Amino acid sequence: TMNCPNDRYVNDAAICQAVSANLAR
């Protein structure tokens, strides 16, 4: 499980989604 804010940093949730997709590969 990865914890991430969605209203703190610039595009924080989108960054975590990209990281998740990278790791899935």
PDBML (XML) file of the C-alpha atoms, coordinates in Angstrom:
<?xml version="1.0" encoding="UTF-8" ?>
<PDBx:datablock datablockName="MODEL"
   xmlns:PDBx="http://pdbml.pdb.org/schema/pdbx-v50.xsd"
   xmlns:xsi="http://www.w3.org/2001/XMLSchema-instance"
   xsi:schemaLocation="http://pdbml.pdb.org/schema/pdbx-v50.xsd pdbx-v50.xsd">
   <PDBx:atom_siteCategory>
      <PDBx:atom_site id="1">
         <PDBx:B_iso_or_equiv>0.00</PDBx:B_iso_or_equiv>
         <PDBx:Cartn_x>0.000</PDBx:Cartn_x>
         <PDBx:Cartn_y>0.000</PDBx:Cartn_y>
         <PDBx:Cartn_z>0.000</PDBx:Cartn_z>
         <PDBx:auth_asym_id>A</PDBx:auth_asym_id>
         <PDBx:auth_atom_id>CA</PDBx:auth_atom_id>
         <PDBx:auth_comp_id>THR</PDBx:auth_comp_id>
         <PDBx:auth_seq_id>1</PDBx:auth_seq_id>
         <PDBx:group_PDB>ATOM</PDBx:group_PDB>
         <PDBx:label_alt_id xsi:nil="true" />
         <PDBx:label_asym_id>A</PDBx:label_asym_id>
         <PDBx:label_atom_id>CA</PDBx:label_atom_id>
         <PDBx:label_comp_id>THR</PDBx:label_comp_id>
         <PDBx:label_entity_id>1</PDBx:label_entity_id>
         <PDBx:label_seq_id>1</PDBx:label_seq_id>
         <PDBx:occupancy>1.00</PDBx:occupancy>
         <PDBx:pdbx_PDB_model_num>1</PDBx:pdbx_PDB_model_num>
         <PDBx:type_symbol>C</PDBx:type_symbol>
      </PDBx:atom_site>
      <PDBx:atom_site id="2">
         <PDBx:B_iso_or_equiv>0.00</PDBx:B_iso_or_equiv>
         <PDBx:Cartn_x>1.202</PDBx:Cartn_x>
         <PDBx:Cartn_y>3.504</PDBx:Cartn_y>
         <PDBx:Cartn_z>-0.884</PDBx:Cartn_z>
         <PDBx:auth_asym_id>A</PDBx:auth_asym_id>
         <PDBx:auth_atom_id>CA</PDBx:auth_atom_id>
         <PDBx:auth_comp_id>MET</PDBx:auth_comp_id>
         <PDBx:auth_seq_id>2</PDBx:auth_seq_id>
         <PDBx:group_PDB>ATOM</PDBx:group_PDB>
         <PDBx:label_alt_id xsi:nil="true" />
         <PDBx:label_asym_id>A</PDBx:label_asym_id>
         <PDBx:label_atom_id>CA</PDBx:label_atom_id>
         <PDBx:label_comp_id>MET</PDBx:label_comp_id>
         <PDBx:label_entity_id>1</PDBx:label_entity_id>
         <PDBx:label_seq_id>2</PDBx:label_seq_id>
         <PDBx:occupancy>1.00</PDBx:occupancy>
         <PDBx:pdbx_PDB_model_num>1</PDBx:pdbx_PDB_model_num>
         <PDBx:type_symbol>C</PDBx:type_symbol>
      </PDBx:atom_site>
      <PDBx:atom_site id="3">
         <PDBx:B_iso_or_equiv>0.00</PDBx:B_iso_or_equiv>
         <PDBx:Cartn_x>0.029</PDBx:Cartn_x>
         <PDBx:Cartn_y>6.608</PDBx:Cartn_y>
         <PDBx:Cartn_z>0.998</PDBx:Cartn_z>
         <PDBx:auth_asym_id>A</PDBx:auth_asym_id>
         <PDBx:auth_atom_id>CA</PDBx:auth_atom_id>
         <PDBx:auth_comp_id>ASN</PDBx:auth_comp_id>
         <PDBx:auth_seq_id>3</PDBx:auth_seq_id>
         <PDBx:group_PDB>ATOM</PDBx:group_PDB>
         <PDBx:label_alt_id xsi:nil="true" />
         <PDBx:label_asym_id>A</PDBx:label_asym_id>
         <PDBx:label_atom_id>CA</PDBx:label_atom_id>
         <PDBx:label_comp_id>ASN</PDBx:label_comp_id>
         <PDBx:label_entity_id>1</PDBx:label_entity_id>
         <PDBx:label_seq_id>3</PDBx:label_seq_id>
         <PDBx:occupancy>1.00</PDBx:occupancy>
         <PDBx:pdbx_PDB_model_num>1</PDBx:pdbx_PDB_model_num>
         <PDBx:type_symbol>C</PDBx:type_symbol>
      </PDBx:atom_site>
      <PDBx:atom_site id="4">
         <PDBx:B_iso_or_equiv>0.00</PDBx:B_iso_or_equiv>
         <PDBx:Cartn_x>-0.210</PDBx:Cartn_x>
         <PDBx:Cartn_y>9.855</PDBx:Cartn_y>
         <PDBx:Cartn_z>-0.897</PDBx:Cartn_z>
         <PDBx:auth_asym_id>A</PDBx:auth_asym_id>
         <PDBx:auth_atom_id>CA</PDBx:auth_atom_id>
         <PDBx:auth_comp_id>CYS</PDBx:auth_comp_id>
         <PDBx:auth_seq_id>4</PDBx:auth_seq_id>
         <PDBx:group_PDB>ATOM</PDBx:group_PDB>
         <PDBx:label_alt_id xsi:nil="true" />
         <PDBx:label_asym_id>A</PDBx:label_asym_id>
         <PDBx:label_atom_id>CA</PDBx:label_atom_id>
         <PDBx:label_comp_id>CYS</PDBx:label_comp_id>
         <PDBx:label_entity_id>1</PDBx:label_entity_id>
         <PDBx:label_seq_id>4</PDBx:label_seq_id>
         <PDBx:occupancy>1.00</PDBx:occupancy>
         <PDBx:pdbx_PDB_model_num>1</PDBx:pdbx_PDB_model_num>
         <PDBx:type_symbol>C</PDBx:type_symbol>
      </PDBx:atom_site>
      <PDBx:atom_site id="5">
         <PDBx:B_iso_or_equiv>0.00</PDBx:B_iso_or_equiv>
         <PDBx:Cartn_x>-1.954</PDBx:Cartn_x>
         <PDBx:Cartn_y>13.234</PDBx:Cartn_y>
         <PDBx:Cartn_z>-0.484</PDBx:Cartn_z>
         <PDBx:auth_asym_id>A</PDBx:auth_asym_id>
         <PDBx:auth_atom_id>CA</PDBx:auth_atom_id>
         <PDBx:auth_comp_id>PRO</PDBx:auth_comp_id>
         <PDBx:auth_seq_id>5</PDBx:auth_seq_id>
         <PDBx:group_PDB>ATOM</PDBx:group_PDB>
         <PDBx:label_alt_id xsi:nil="true" />
         <PDBx:label_asym_id>A</PDBx:label_asym_id>
         <PDBx:label_atom_id>CA</PDBx:label_atom_id>
         <PDBx:label_comp_id>PRO</PDBx:label_comp_id>
         <PDBx:label_entity_id>1</PDBx:label_entity_id>
         <PDBx:label_seq_id>5</PDBx:label_seq_id>
         <PDBx:occupancy>1.00</PDBx:occupancy>
         <PDBx:pdbx_PDB_model_num>1</PDBx:pdbx_PDB_model_num>
         <PDBx:type_symbol>C</PDBx:type_symbol>
      </PDBx:atom_site>
      <PDBx:atom_site id="6">
         <PDBx:B_iso_or_equiv>0.00</PDBx:B_iso_or_equiv>
         <PDBx:Cartn_x>-4.230</PDBx:Cartn_x>
         <PDBx:Cartn_y>14.535</PDBx:Cartn_y>
         <PDBx:Cartn_z>-3.216</PDBx:Cartn_z>
         <PDBx:auth_asym_id>A</PDBx:auth_asym_id>
         <PDBx:auth_atom_id>CA</PDBx:auth_atom_id>
         <PDBx:auth_comp_id>ASN</PDBx:auth_comp_id>
         <PDBx:auth_seq_id>6</PDBx:auth_seq_id>
         <PDBx:group_PDB>ATOM</PDBx:group_PDB>
         <PDBx:label_alt_id xsi:nil="true" />
         <PDBx:label_asym_id>A</PDBx:label_asym_id>
         <PDBx:label_atom_id>CA</PDBx:label_atom_id>
         <PDBx:label_comp_id>ASN</PDBx:label_comp_id>
         <PDBx:label_entity_id>1</PDBx:label_entity_id>
         <PDBx:label_seq_id>6</PDBx:label_seq_id>
         <PDBx:occupancy>1.00</PDBx:occupancy>
         <PDBx:pdbx_PDB_model_num>1</PDBx:pdbx_PDB_model_num>
         <PDBx:type_symbol>C</PDBx:type_symbol>
      </PDBx:atom_site>
      <PDBx:atom_site id="7">
         <PDBx:B_iso_or_equiv>0.00</PDBx:B_iso_or_equiv>
         <PDBx:Cartn_x>-4.318</PDBx:Cartn_x>
         <PDBx:Cartn_y>18.202</PDBx:Cartn_y>
         <PDBx:Cartn_z>-2.177</PDBx:Cartn_z>
         <PDBx:auth_asym_id>A</PDBx:auth_asym_id>
         <PDBx:auth_atom_id>CA</PDBx:auth_atom_id>
         <PDBx:auth_comp_id>ASP</PDBx:auth_comp_id>
         <PDBx:auth_seq_id>7</PDBx:auth_seq_id>
         <PDBx:group_PDB>ATOM</PDBx:group_PDB>
         <PDBx:label_alt_id xsi:nil="true" />
         <PDBx:label_asym_id>A</PDBx:label_asym_id>
         <PDBx:label_atom_id>CA</PDBx:label_atom_id>
         <PDBx:label_comp_id>ASP</PDBx:label_comp_id>
         <PDBx:label_entity_id>1</PDBx:label_entity_id>
         <PDBx:label_seq_id>7</PDBx:label_seq_id>
         <PDBx:occupancy>1.00</PDBx:occupancy>
         <PDBx:pdbx_PDB_model_num>1</PDBx:pdbx_PDB_model_num>
         <PDBx:type_symbol>C</PDBx:type_symbol>
      </PDBx:atom_site>
      <PDBx:atom_site id="8">
         <PDBx:B_iso_or_equiv>0.00</PDBx:B_iso_or_equiv>
         <PDBx:Cartn_x>-0.844</PDBx:Cartn_x>
         <PDBx:Cartn_y>19.097</PDBx:Cartn_y>
         <PDBx:Cartn_z>-0.937</PDBx:Cartn_z>
         <PDBx:auth_asym_id>A</PDBx:auth_asym_id>
         <PDBx:auth_atom_id>CA</PDBx:auth_atom_id>
         <PDBx:auth_comp_id>ARG</PDBx:auth_comp_id>
         <PDBx:auth_seq_id>8</PDBx:auth_seq_id>
         <PDBx:group_PDB>ATOM</PDBx:group_PDB>
         <PDBx:label_alt_id xsi:nil="true" />
         <PDBx:label_asym_id>A</PDBx:label_asym_id>
         <PDBx:label_atom_id>CA</PDBx:label_atom_id>
         <PDBx:label_comp_id>ARG</PDBx:label_comp_id>
         <PDBx:label_entity_id>1</PDBx:label_entity_id>
         <PDBx:label_seq_id>8</PDBx:label_seq_id>
         <PDBx:occupancy>1.00</PDBx:occupancy>
         <PDBx:pdbx_PDB_model_num>1</PDBx:pdbx_PDB_model_num>
         <PDBx:type_symbol>C</PDBx:type_symbol>
      </PDBx:atom_site>
      <PDBx:atom_site id="9">
         <PDBx:B_iso_or_equiv>0.00</PDBx:B_iso_or_equiv>
         <PDBx:Cartn_x>1.830</PDBx:Cartn_x>
         <PDBx:Cartn_y>19.034</PDBx:Cartn_y>
         <PDBx:Cartn_z>-3.660</PDBx:Cartn_z>
         <PDBx:auth_asym_id>A</PDBx:auth_asym_id>
         <PDBx:auth_atom_id>CA</PDBx:auth_atom_id>
         <PDBx:auth_comp_id>TYR</PDBx:auth_comp_id>
         <PDBx:auth_seq_id>9</PDBx:auth_seq_id>
         <PDBx:group_PDB>ATOM</PDBx:group_PDB>
         <PDBx:label_alt_id xsi:nil="true" />
         <PDBx:label_asym_id>A</PDBx:label_asym_id>
         <PDBx:label_atom_id>CA</PDBx:label_atom_id>
         <PDBx:label_comp_id>TYR</PDBx:label_comp_id>
         <PDBx:label_entity_id>1</PDBx:label_entity_id>
         <PDBx:label_seq_id>9</PDBx:label_seq_id>
         <PDBx:occupancy>1.00</PDBx:occupancy>
         <PDBx:pdbx_PDB_model_num>1</PDBx:pdbx_PDB_model_num>
         <PDBx:type_symbol>C</PDBx:type_symbol>
      </PDBx:atom_site>
      <PDBx:atom_site id="10">
         <PDBx:B_iso_or_equiv>0.00</PDBx:B_iso_or_equiv>
         <PDBx:Cartn_x>1.630</PDBx:Cartn_x>
         <PDBx:Cartn_y>19.855</PDBx:Cartn_y>
         <PDBx:Cartn_z>-7.358</PDBx:Cartn_z>
         <PDBx:auth_asym_id>A</PDBx:auth_asym_id>
         <PDBx:auth_atom_id>CA</PDBx:auth_atom_id>
         <PDBx:auth_comp_id>VAL</PDBx:auth_comp_id>
         <PDBx:auth_seq_id>10</PDBx:auth_seq_id>
         <PDBx:group_PDB>ATOM</PDBx:group_PDB>
         <PDBx:label_alt_id xsi:nil="true" />
         <PDBx:label_asym_id>A</PDBx:label_asym_id>
         <PDBx:label_atom_id>CA</PDBx:label_atom_id>
         <PDBx:label_comp_id>VAL</PDBx:label_comp_id>
         <PDBx:label_entity_id>1</PDBx:label_entity_id>
         <PDBx:label_seq_id>10</PDBx:label_seq_id>
         <PDBx:occupancy>1.00</PDBx:occupancy>
         <PDBx:pdbx_PDB_model_num>1</PDBx:pdbx_PDB_model_num>
         <PDBx:type_symbol>C</PDBx:type_symbol>
      </PDBx:atom_site>
      <PDBx:atom_site id="11">
         <PDBx:B_iso_or_equiv>0.00</PDBx:B_iso_or_equiv>
         <PDBx:Cartn_x>-0.147</PDBx:Cartn_x>
         <PDBx:Cartn_y>16.933</PDBx:Cartn_y>
         <PDBx:Cartn_z>-9.054</PDBx:Cartn_z>
         <PDBx:auth_asym_id>A</PDBx:auth_asym_id>
         <PDBx:auth_atom_id>CA</PDBx:auth_atom_id>
         <PDBx:auth_comp_id>ASN</PDBx:auth_comp_id>
         <PDBx:auth_seq_id>11</PDBx:auth_seq_id>
         <PDBx:group_PDB>ATOM</PDBx:group_PDB>
         <PDBx:label_alt_id xsi:nil="true" />
         <PDBx:label_asym_id>A</PDBx:label_asym_id>
         <PDBx:label_atom_id>CA</PDBx:label_atom_id>
         <PDBx:label_comp_id>ASN</PDBx:label_comp_id>
         <PDBx:label_entity_id>1</PDBx:label_entity_id>
         <PDBx:label_seq_id>11</PDBx:label_seq_id>
         <PDBx:occupancy>1.00</PDBx:occupancy>
         <PDBx:pdbx_PDB_model_num>1</PDBx:pdbx_PDB_model_num>
         <PDBx:type_symbol>C</PDBx:type_symbol>
      </PDBx:atom_site>
      <PDBx:atom_site id="12">
         <PDBx:B_iso_or_equiv>0.00</PDBx:B_iso_or_equiv>
         <PDBx:Cartn_x>0.609</PDBx:Cartn_x>
         <PDBx:Cartn_y>14.749</PDBx:Cartn_y>
         <PDBx:Cartn_z>-6.038</PDBx:Cartn_z>
         <PDBx:auth_asym_id>A</PDBx:auth_asym_id>
         <PDBx:auth_atom_id>CA</PDBx:auth_atom_id>
         <PDBx:auth_comp_id>ASP</PDBx:auth_comp_id>
         <PDBx:auth_seq_id>12</PDBx:auth_seq_id>
         <PDBx:group_PDB>ATOM</PDBx:group_PDB>
         <PDBx:label_alt_id xsi:nil="true" />
         <PDBx:label_asym_id>A</PDBx:label_asym_id>
         <PDBx:label_atom_id>CA</PDBx:label_atom_id>
         <PDBx:label_comp_id>ASP</PDBx:label_comp_id>
         <PDBx:label_entity_id>1</PDBx:label_entity_id>
         <PDBx:label_seq_id>12</PDBx:label_seq_id>
         <PDBx:occupancy>1.00</PDBx:occupancy>
         <PDBx:pdbx_PDB_model_num>1</PDBx:pdbx_PDB_model_num>
         <PDBx:type_symbol>C</PDBx:type_symbol>
      </PDBx:atom_site>
      <PDBx:atom_site id="13">
         <PDBx:B_iso_or_equiv>0.00</PDBx:B_iso_or_equiv>
         <PDBx:Cartn_x>-2.031</PDBx:Cartn_x>
         <PDBx:Cartn_y>12.073</PDBx:Cartn_y>
         <PDBx:Cartn_z>-6.679</PDBx:Cartn_z>
         <PDBx:auth_asym_id>A</PDBx:auth_asym_id>
         <PDBx:auth_atom_id>CA</PDBx:auth_atom_id>
         <PDBx:auth_comp_id>ALA</PDBx:auth_comp_id>
         <PDBx:auth_seq_id>13</PDBx:auth_seq_id>
         <PDBx:group_PDB>ATOM</PDBx:group_PDB>
         <PDBx:label_alt_id xsi:nil="true" />
         <PDBx:label_asym_id>A</PDBx:label_asym_id>
         <PDBx:label_atom_id>CA</PDBx:label_atom_id>
         <PDBx:label_comp_id>ALA</PDBx:label_comp_id>
         <PDBx:label_entity_id>1</PDBx:label_entity_id>
         <PDBx:label_seq_id>13</PDBx:label_seq_id>
         <PDBx:occupancy>1.00</PDBx:occupancy>
         <PDBx:pdbx_PDB_model_num>1</PDBx:pdbx_PDB_model_num>
         <PDBx:type_symbol>C</PDBx:type_symbol>
      </PDBx:atom_site>
      <PDBx:atom_site id="14">
         <PDBx:B_iso_or_equiv>0.00</PDBx:B_iso_or_equiv>
         <PDBx:Cartn_x>-1.166</PDBx:Cartn_x>
         <PDBx:Cartn_y>11.951</PDBx:Cartn_y>
         <PDBx:Cartn_z>-10.383</PDBx:Cartn_z>
         <PDBx:auth_asym_id>A</PDBx:auth_asym_id>
         <PDBx:auth_atom_id>CA</PDBx:auth_atom_id>
         <PDBx:auth_comp_id>ALA</PDBx:auth_comp_id>
         <PDBx:auth_seq_id>14</PDBx:auth_seq_id>
         <PDBx:group_PDB>ATOM</PDBx:group_PDB>
         <PDBx:label_alt_id xsi:nil="true" />
         <PDBx:label_asym_id>A</PDBx:label_asym_id>
         <PDBx:label_atom_id>CA</PDBx:label_atom_id>
         <PDBx:label_comp_id>ALA</PDBx:label_comp_id>
         <PDBx:label_entity_id>1</PDBx:label_entity_id>
         <PDBx:label_seq_id>14</PDBx:label_seq_id>
         <PDBx:occupancy>1.00</PDBx:occupancy>
         <PDBx:pdbx_PDB_model_num>1</PDBx:pdbx_PDB_model_num>
         <PDBx:type_symbol>C</PDBx:type_symbol>
      </PDBx:atom_site>
      <PDBx:atom_site id="15">
         <PDBx:B_iso_or_equiv>0.00</PDBx:B_iso_or_equiv>
         <PDBx:Cartn_x>2.510</PDBx:Cartn_x>
         <PDBx:Cartn_y>11.439</PDBx:Cartn_y>
         <PDBx:Cartn_z>-9.520</PDBx:Cartn_z>
         <PDBx:auth_asym_id>A</PDBx:auth_asym_id>
         <PDBx:auth_atom_id>CA</PDBx:auth_atom_id>
         <PDBx:auth_comp_id>ILE</PDBx:auth_comp_id>
         <PDBx:auth_seq_id>15</PDBx:auth_seq_id>
         <PDBx:group_PDB>ATOM</PDBx:group_PDB>
         <PDBx:label_alt_id xsi:nil="true" />
         <PDBx:label_asym_id>A</PDBx:label_asym_id>
         <PDBx:label_atom_id>CA</PDBx:label_atom_id>
         <PDBx:label_comp_id>ILE</PDBx:label_comp_id>
         <PDBx:label_entity_id>1</PDBx:label_entity_id>
         <PDBx:label_seq_id>15</PDBx:label_seq_id>
         <PDBx:occupancy>1.00</PDBx:occupancy>
         <PDBx:pdbx_PDB_model_num>1</PDBx:pdbx_PDB_model_num>
         <PDBx:type_symbol>C</PDBx:type_symbol>
      </PDBx:atom_site>
      <PDBx:atom_site id="16">
         <PDBx:B_iso_or_equiv>0.00</PDBx:B_iso_or_equiv>
         <PDBx:Cartn_x>1.607</PDBx:Cartn_x>
         <PDBx:Cartn_y>8.549</PDBx:Cartn_y>
         <PDBx:Cartn_z>-7.231</PDBx:Cartn_z>
         <PDBx:auth_asym_id>A</PDBx:auth_asym_id>
         <PDBx:auth_atom_id>CA</PDBx:auth_atom_id>
         <PDBx:auth_comp_id>CYS</PDBx:auth_comp_id>
         <PDBx:auth_seq_id>16</PDBx:auth_seq_id>
         <PDBx:group_PDB>ATOM</PDBx:group_PDB>
         <PDBx:label_alt_id xsi:nil="true" />
         <PDBx:label_asym_id>A</PDBx:label_asym_id>
         <PDBx:label_atom_id>CA</PDBx:label_atom_id>
         <PDBx:label_comp_id>CYS</PDBx:label_comp_id>
         <PDBx:label_entity_id>1</PDBx:label_entity_id>
         <PDBx:label_seq_id>16</PDBx:label_seq_id>
         <PDBx:occupancy>1.00</PDBx:occupancy>
         <PDBx:pdbx_PDB_model_num>1</PDBx:pdbx_PDB_model_num>
         <PDBx:type_symbol>C</PDBx:type_symbol>
      </PDBx:atom_site>
      <PDBx:atom_site id="17">
         <PDBx:B_iso_or_equiv>0.00</PDBx:B_iso_or_equiv>
         <PDBx:Cartn_x>-0.605</PDBx:Cartn_x>
         <PDBx:Cartn_y>7.046</PDBx:Cartn_y>
         <PDBx:Cartn_z>-9.939</PDBx:Cartn_z>
         <PDBx:auth_asym_id>A</PDBx:auth_asym_id>
         <PDBx:auth_atom_id>CA</PDBx:auth_atom_id>
         <PDBx:auth_comp_id>GLN</PDBx:auth_comp_id>
         <PDBx:auth_seq_id>17</PDBx:auth_seq_id>
         <PDBx:group_PDB>ATOM</PDBx:group_PDB>
         <PDBx:label_alt_id xsi:nil="true" />
         <PDBx:label_asym_id>A</PDBx:label_asym_id>
         <PDBx:label_atom_id>CA</PDBx:label_atom_id>
         <PDBx:label_comp_id>GLN</PDBx:label_comp_id>
         <PDBx:label_entity_id>1</PDBx:label_entity_id>
         <PDBx:label_seq_id>17</PDBx:label_seq_id>
         <PDBx:occupancy>1.00</PDBx:occupancy>
         <PDBx:pdbx_PDB_model_num>1</PDBx:pdbx_PDB_model_num>
         <PDBx:type_symbol>C</PDBx:type_symbol>
      </PDBx:atom_site>
      <PDBx:atom_site id="18">
         <PDBx:B_iso_or_equiv>0.00</PDBx:B_iso_or_equiv>
         <PDBx:Cartn_x>2.328</PDBx:Cartn_x>
         <PDBx:Cartn_y>7.204</PDBx:Cartn_y>
         <PDBx:Cartn_z>-12.376</PDBx:Cartn_z>
         <PDBx:auth_asym_id>A</PDBx:auth_asym_id>
         <PDBx:auth_atom_id>CA</PDBx:auth_atom_id>
         <PDBx:auth_comp_id>ALA</PDBx:auth_comp_id>
         <PDBx:auth_seq_id>18</PDBx:auth_seq_id>
         <PDBx:group_PDB>ATOM</PDBx:group_PDB>
         <PDBx:label_alt_id xsi:nil="true" />
         <PDBx:label_asym_id>A</PDBx:label_asym_id>
         <PDBx:label_atom_id>CA</PDBx:label_atom_id>
         <PDBx:label_comp_id>ALA</PDBx:label_comp_id>
         <PDBx:label_entity_id>1</PDBx:label_entity_id>
         <PDBx:label_seq_id>18</PDBx:label_seq_id>
         <PDBx:occupancy>1.00</PDBx:occupancy>
         <PDBx:pdbx_PDB_model_num>1</PDBx:pdbx_PDB_model_num>
         <PDBx:type_symbol>C</PDBx:type_symbol>
      </PDBx:atom_site>
      <PDBx:atom_site id="19">
         <PDBx:B_iso_or_equiv>0.00</PDBx:B_iso_or_equiv>
         <PDBx:Cartn_x>4.640</PDBx:Cartn_x>
         <PDBx:Cartn_y>5.596</PDBx:Cartn_y>
         <PDBx:Cartn_z>-9.802</PDBx:Cartn_z>
         <PDBx:auth_asym_id>A</PDBx:auth_asym_id>
         <PDBx:auth_atom_id>CA</PDBx:auth_atom_id>
         <PDBx:auth_comp_id>VAL</PDBx:auth_comp_id>
         <PDBx:auth_seq_id>19</PDBx:auth_seq_id>
         <PDBx:group_PDB>ATOM</PDBx:group_PDB>
         <PDBx:label_alt_id xsi:nil="true" />
         <PDBx:label_asym_id>A</PDBx:label_asym_id>
         <PDBx:label_atom_id>CA</PDBx:label_atom_id>
         <PDBx:label_comp_id>VAL</PDBx:label_comp_id>
         <PDBx:label_entity_id>1</PDBx:label_entity_id>
         <PDBx:label_seq_id>19</PDBx:label_seq_id>
         <PDBx:occupancy>1.00</PDBx:occupancy>
         <PDBx:pdbx_PDB_model_num>1</PDBx:pdbx_PDB_model_num>
         <PDBx:type_symbol>C</PDBx:type_symbol>
      </PDBx:atom_site>
      <PDBx:atom_site id="20">
         <PDBx:B_iso_or_equiv>0.00</PDBx:B_iso_or_equiv>
         <PDBx:Cartn_x>2.081</PDBx:Cartn_x>
         <PDBx:Cartn_y>2.857</PDBx:Cartn_y>
         <PDBx:Cartn_z>-9.242</PDBx:Cartn_z>
         <PDBx:auth_asym_id>A</PDBx:auth_asym_id>
         <PDBx:auth_atom_id>CA</PDBx:auth_atom_id>
         <PDBx:auth_comp_id>SER</PDBx:auth_comp_id>
         <PDBx:auth_seq_id>20</PDBx:auth_seq_id>
         <PDBx:group_PDB>ATOM</PDBx:group_PDB>
         <PDBx:label_alt_id xsi:nil="true" />
         <PDBx:label_asym_id>A</PDBx:label_asym_id>
         <PDBx:label_atom_id>CA</PDBx:label_atom_id>
         <PDBx:label_comp_id>SER</PDBx:label_comp_id>
         <PDBx:label_entity_id>1</PDBx:label_entity_id>
         <PDBx:label_seq_id>20</PDBx:label_seq_id>
         <PDBx:occupancy>1.00</PDBx:occupancy>
         <PDBx:pdbx_PDB_model_num>1</PDBx:pdbx_PDB_model_num>
         <PDBx:type_symbol>C</PDBx:type_symbol>
      </PDBx:atom_site>
      <PDBx:atom_site id="21">
         <PDBx:B_iso_or_equiv>0.00</PDBx:B_iso_or_equiv>
         <PDBx:Cartn_x>1.846</PDBx:Cartn_x>
         <PDBx:Cartn_y>2.190</PDBx:Cartn_y>
         <PDBx:Cartn_z>-12.977</PDBx:Cartn_z>
         <PDBx:auth_asym_id>A</PDBx:auth_asym_id>
         <PDBx:auth_atom_id>CA</PDBx:auth_atom_id>
         <PDBx:auth_comp_id>ALA</PDBx:auth_comp_id>
         <PDBx:auth_seq_id>21</PDBx:auth_seq_id>
         <PDBx:group_PDB>ATOM</PDBx:group_PDB>
         <PDBx:label_alt_id xsi:nil="true" />
         <PDBx:label_asym_id>A</PDBx:label_asym_id>
         <PDBx:label_atom_id>CA</PDBx:label_atom_id>
         <PDBx:label_comp_id>ALA</PDBx:label_comp_id>
         <PDBx:label_entity_id>1</PDBx:label_entity_id>
         <PDBx:label_seq_id>21</PDBx:label_seq_id>
         <PDBx:occupancy>1.00</PDBx:occupancy>
         <PDBx:pdbx_PDB_model_num>1</PDBx:pdbx_PDB_model_num>
         <PDBx:type_symbol>C</PDBx:type_symbol>
      </PDBx:atom_site>
      <PDBx:atom_site id="22">
         <PDBx:B_iso_or_equiv>0.00</PDBx:B_iso_or_equiv>
         <PDBx:Cartn_x>5.647</PDBx:Cartn_x>
         <PDBx:Cartn_y>2.070</PDBx:Cartn_y>
         <PDBx:Cartn_z>-13.280</PDBx:Cartn_z>
         <PDBx:auth_asym_id>A</PDBx:auth_asym_id>
         <PDBx:auth_atom_id>CA</PDBx:auth_atom_id>
         <PDBx:auth_comp_id>ASN</PDBx:auth_comp_id>
         <PDBx:auth_seq_id>22</PDBx:auth_seq_id>
         <PDBx:group_PDB>ATOM</PDBx:group_PDB>
         <PDBx:label_alt_id xsi:nil="true" />
         <PDBx:label_asym_id>A</PDBx:label_asym_id>
         <PDBx:label_atom_id>CA</PDBx:label_atom_id>
         <PDBx:label_comp_id>ASN</PDBx:label_comp_id>
         <PDBx:label_entity_id>1</PDBx:label_entity_id>
         <PDBx:label_seq_id>22</PDBx:label_seq_id>
         <PDBx:occupancy>1.00</PDBx:occupancy>
         <PDBx:pdbx_PDB_model_num>1</PDBx:pdbx_PDB_model_num>
         <PDBx:type_symbol>C</PDBx:type_symbol>
      </PDBx:atom_site>
      <PDBx:atom_site id="23">
         <PDBx:B_iso_or_equiv>0.00</PDBx:B_iso_or_equiv>
         <PDBx:Cartn_x>5.926</PDBx:Cartn_x>
         <PDBx:Cartn_y>-0.434</PDBx:Cartn_y>
         <PDBx:Cartn_z>-10.433</PDBx:Cartn_z>
         <PDBx:auth_asym_id>A</PDBx:auth_asym_id>
         <PDBx:auth_atom_id>CA</PDBx:auth_atom_id>
         <PDBx:auth_comp_id>LEU</PDBx:auth_comp_id>
         <PDBx:auth_seq_id>23</PDBx:auth_seq_id>
         <PDBx:group_PDB>ATOM</PDBx:group_PDB>
         <PDBx:label_alt_id xsi:nil="true" />
         <PDBx:label_asym_id>A</PDBx:label_asym_id>
         <PDBx:label_atom_id>CA</PDBx:label_atom_id>
         <PDBx:label_comp_id>LEU</PDBx:label_comp_id>
         <PDBx:label_entity_id>1</PDBx:label_entity_id>
         <PDBx:label_seq_id>23</PDBx:label_seq_id>
         <PDBx:occupancy>1.00</PDBx:occupancy>
         <PDBx:pdbx_PDB_model_num>1</PDBx:pdbx_PDB_model_num>
         <PDBx:type_symbol>C</PDBx:type_symbol>
      </PDBx:atom_site>
      <PDBx:atom_site id="24">
         <PDBx:B_iso_or_equiv>0.00</PDBx:B_iso_or_equiv>
         <PDBx:Cartn_x>3.139</PDBx:Cartn_x>
         <PDBx:Cartn_y>-2.590</PDBx:Cartn_y>
         <PDBx:Cartn_z>-11.886</PDBx:Cartn_z>
         <PDBx:auth_asym_id>A</PDBx:auth_asym_id>
         <PDBx:auth_atom_id>CA</PDBx:auth_atom_id>
         <PDBx:auth_comp_id>ALA</PDBx:auth_comp_id>
         <PDBx:auth_seq_id>24</PDBx:auth_seq_id>
         <PDBx:group_PDB>ATOM</PDBx:group_PDB>
         <PDBx:label_alt_id xsi:nil="true" />
         <PDBx:label_asym_id>A</PDBx:label_asym_id>
         <PDBx:label_atom_id>CA</PDBx:label_atom_id>
         <PDBx:label_comp_id>ALA</PDBx:label_comp_id>
         <PDBx:label_entity_id>1</PDBx:label_entity_id>
         <PDBx:label_seq_id>24</PDBx:label_seq_id>
         <PDBx:occupancy>1.00</PDBx:occupancy>
         <PDBx:pdbx_PDB_model_num>1</PDBx:pdbx_PDB_model_num>
         <PDBx:type_symbol>C</PDBx:type_symbol>
      </PDBx:atom_site>
      <PDBx:atom_site id="25">
         <PDBx:B_iso_or_equiv>0.00</PDBx:B_iso_or_equiv>
         <PDBx:Cartn_x>5.316</PDBx:Cartn_x>
         <PDBx:Cartn_y>-3.150</PDBx:Cartn_y>
         <PDBx:Cartn_z>-14.946</PDBx:Cartn_z>
         <PDBx:auth_asym_id>A</PDBx:auth_asym_id>
         <PDBx:auth_atom_id>CA</PDBx:auth_atom_id>
         <PDBx:auth_comp_id>ARG</PDBx:auth_comp_id>
         <PDBx:auth_seq_id>25</PDBx:auth_seq_id>
         <PDBx:group_PDB>ATOM</PDBx:group_PDB>
         <PDBx:label_alt_id xsi:nil="true" />
         <PDBx:label_asym_id>A</PDBx:label_asym_id>
         <PDBx:label_atom_id>CA</PDBx:label_atom_id>
         <PDBx:label_comp_id>ARG</PDBx:label_comp_id>
         <PDBx:label_entity_id>1</PDBx:label_entity_id>
         <PDBx:label_seq_id>25</PDBx:label_seq_id>
         <PDBx:occupancy>1.00</PDBx:occupancy>
         <PDBx:pdbx_PDB_model_num>1</PDBx:pdbx_PDB_model_num>
         <PDBx:type_symbol>C</PDBx:type_symbol>
      </PDBx:atom_site>
   </PDBx:atom_siteCategory>
</PDBx:datablock>
